[in-house]
Amino acid sequence: MEQNINTVIHHFNNREFDLLRTAIAKNAVVKLPYGLVLEGVENIISKWEEFSKVFPDIQYKIVDVDKRHELFKVTVQVSGTFKNNMMLPNGHEIEATRKHFDMQQLIWMEFNEQHQLKYEHKEYDLNEFYQKIGIVI
């Protein structure tokens, strides 16, 4: 199953969204730290494409995979630059700051019998992220 984690990260890092679609279950669920829940492969891909346009150089690097839990506990180092404006769920737009961020995140992952991503829950300090990309709350 660790290869499945590598596949998802690889396809995202290379912006291979068509290949990523095949690595994600049609009914997959992704939970983000700010409360947003994405359901279904098309909603997930759409949000990830949008995010990669805001941070076009974003990259995930696997630091550790802990298999001792029901879900895979994946520690990643994430870096990128806030290069394009970001639209918030409430309709407000945040102007790009051009600031680079580098931080560690935790991702809980589960895969189905077909080795597709079924569930993902990202955990990171949202305030730290905002601070690093230059957003004042």
Protein backbone atom coordinates (compact mmCIF):
# COMPACT_ATOMS: atom_id res chain seq x y z
CA MET A 1 0.00 0.00 0.00
CA GLU A 2 2.95 2.36 0.46
CA GLN A 3 3.32 2.36 -3.33
CA ASN A 4 -0.25 3.74 -3.54
CA ILE A 5 0.80 6.70 -1.38
CA ASN A 6 3.82 7.32 -3.62
CA THR A 7 1.58 7.16 -6.71
CA VAL A 8 -0.88 9.78 -5.43
CA ILE A 9 1.93 12.14 -4.32
CA HIS A 10 3.87 11.62 -7.57
CA HIS A 11 0.86 12.37 -9.80
CA PHE A 12 0.01 15.49 -7.78
CA ASN A 13 3.60 16.78 -7.78
CA ASN A 14 3.75 16.32 -11.57
CA ARG A 15 0.25 17.78 -12.13
CA GLU A 16 -0.83 14.54 -13.80
CA PHE A 17 -4.48 15.05 -12.93
CA ASP A 18 -5.81 12.53 -15.46
CA LEU A 19 -3.61 9.83 -13.91
CA LEU A 20 -4.54 11.07 -10.45
CA ARG A 21 -8.22 10.50 -11.31
CA THR A 22 -7.49 6.80 -11.77
CA ALA A 23 -5.66 6.64 -8.40
CA ILE A 24 -8.66 8.05 -6.49
CA ALA A 25 -11.90 6.17 -5.83
CA LYS A 26 -15.01 7.73 -7.40
CA ASN A 27 -16.61 8.11 -3.95
CA ALA A 28 -13.44 9.25 -2.13
CA VAL A 29 -13.59 11.80 0.69
CA VAL A 30 -10.91 14.40 1.52
CA LYS A 31 -11.08 16.47 4.71
CA LEU A 32 -9.08 19.69 4.91
CA PRO A 33 -7.97 21.47 8.11
CA TYR A 34 -10.32 24.44 7.72
CA GLY A 35 -13.42 22.24 7.74
CA LEU A 36 -13.93 21.78 4.02
CA VAL A 37 -14.94 18.24 3.02
CA LEU A 38 -14.53 17.23 -0.61
CA GLU A 39 -16.63 14.29 -1.79
CA GLY A 40 -16.12 12.47 -5.07
CA VAL A 41 -13.12 12.26 -7.33
CA GLU A 42 -14.17 15.19 -9.56
CA ASN A 43 -14.61 17.59 -6.62
CA ILE A 44 -11.26 16.51 -5.21
CA ILE A 45 -9.42 16.90 -8.53
CA SER A 46 -11.07 20.28 -9.15
CA LYS A 47 -9.92 21.64 -5.75
CA TRP A 48 -6.41 20.21 -6.17
CA GLU A 49 -6.12 21.74 -9.67
CA GLU A 50 -7.26 25.10 -8.26
CA PHE A 51 -4.76 24.87 -5.39
CA SER A 52 -1.91 23.99 -7.75
CA LYS A 53 -2.68 27.12 -9.80
CA VAL A 54 -2.44 29.30 -6.68
CA PHE A 55 0.80 27.53 -5.63
CA PRO A 56 2.19 26.39 -9.03
CA ASP A 57 5.47 25.10 -7.58
CA ILE A 58 3.93 23.21 -4.63
CA GLN A 59 5.61 19.89 -3.90
CA TYR A 60 4.98 17.17 -1.33
CA LYS A 61 7.87 15.06 -0.07
CA ILE A 62 7.18 11.98 2.03
CA VAL A 63 9.11 12.07 5.30
CA ASP A 64 7.60 9.05 7.04
CA VAL A 65 4.83 6.47 6.64
CA ASP A 66 3.47 4.89 9.82
CA LYS A 67 1.49 1.73 9.12
CA ARG A 68 0.67 0.89 12.74
CA HIS A 69 -2.72 2.58 12.59
CA GLU A 70 -6.00 1.72 10.89
CA LEU A 71 -5.21 4.48 8.37
CA PHE A 72 -1.77 5.23 6.96
CA LYS A 73 -0.22 8.12 8.90
CA VAL A 74 1.89 9.97 6.33
CA THR A 75 4.19 12.80 7.37
CA VAL A 76 5.08 15.09 4.46
CA GLN A 77 7.22 18.17 3.94
CA VAL A 78 5.33 20.63 1.75
CA SER A 79 6.77 23.68 0.03
CA GLY A 80 5.47 26.15 -2.49
CA THR A 81 5.05 29.82 -3.38
CA PHE A 82 1.80 31.83 -3.21
CA LYS A 83 2.05 33.11 -6.82
CA ASN A 84 -1.57 33.59 -7.90
CA ASN A 85 -4.66 35.01 -6.20
CA MET A 86 -6.71 32.62 -4.07
CA MET A 87 -10.51 32.52 -3.98
CA LEU A 88 -11.92 31.68 -0.57
CA PRO A 89 -15.07 29.57 -0.10
CA ASN A 90 -16.91 32.74 1.05
CA GLY A 91 -16.21 34.43 -2.31
CA HIS A 92 -13.46 36.75 -1.10
CA GLU A 93 -10.24 36.83 -3.08
CA ILE A 94 -6.82 37.01 -1.45
CA GLU A 95 -4.09 38.66 -3.47
CA ALA A 96 -0.95 36.59 -4.02
CA THR A 97 1.92 37.57 -1.71
CA ARG A 98 4.65 35.75 -3.65
CA LYS A 99 5.86 34.35 -0.31
CA HIS A 100 7.36 30.89 -0.13
CA PHE A 101 6.31 28.41 2.53
CA ASP A 102 7.88 25.22 3.78
CA MET A 103 6.15 23.20 6.48
CA GLN A 104 5.41 19.73 7.72
CA GLN A 105 1.93 18.26 7.42
CA LEU A 106 0.27 15.05 8.51
CA ILE A 107 -1.99 13.17 6.10
CA TRP A 108 -4.14 10.21 7.13
CA MET A 109 -4.84 7.99 4.11
CA GLU A 110 -6.95 4.93 3.40
CA PHE A 111 -7.10 2.91 0.18
CA ASN A 112 -9.77 0.57 -1.18
CA GLU A 113 -9.32 -2.98 -2.50
CA GLN A 114 -8.51 -1.56 -5.96
CA HIS A 115 -5.60 0.40 -4.39
CA GLN A 116 -7.34 3.73 -4.97
CA LEU A 117 -7.36 6.55 -2.43
CA LYS A 118 -10.62 6.22 -0.52
CA TYR A 119 -10.11 8.69 2.32
CA GLU A 120 -7.66 11.47 3.14
CA HIS A 121 -7.56 13.80 6.12
CA LYS A 122 -4.92 16.54 6.16
CA GLU A 123 -3.73 18.03 9.44
CA TYR A 124 -1.56 21.11 9.76
CA ASP A 125 -1.52 24.39 11.64
CA LEU A 126 -3.62 26.71 9.50
CA ASN A 127 -2.37 29.82 11.34
CA GLU A 128 1.23 28.79 10.66
CA PHE A 129 0.38 28.30 6.98
CA TYR A 130 -1.27 31.74 6.74
CA GLN A 131 1.69 33.35 8.50
CA LYS A 132 4.20 31.71 6.16
CA ILE A 133 2.35 32.86 3.02
CA GLY A 134 1.93 36.38 4.41
CA ILE A 135 -1.79 36.45 5.19
CA VAL A 136 -2.79 38.42 8.27
CA ILE A 137 -5.83 37.07 10.07
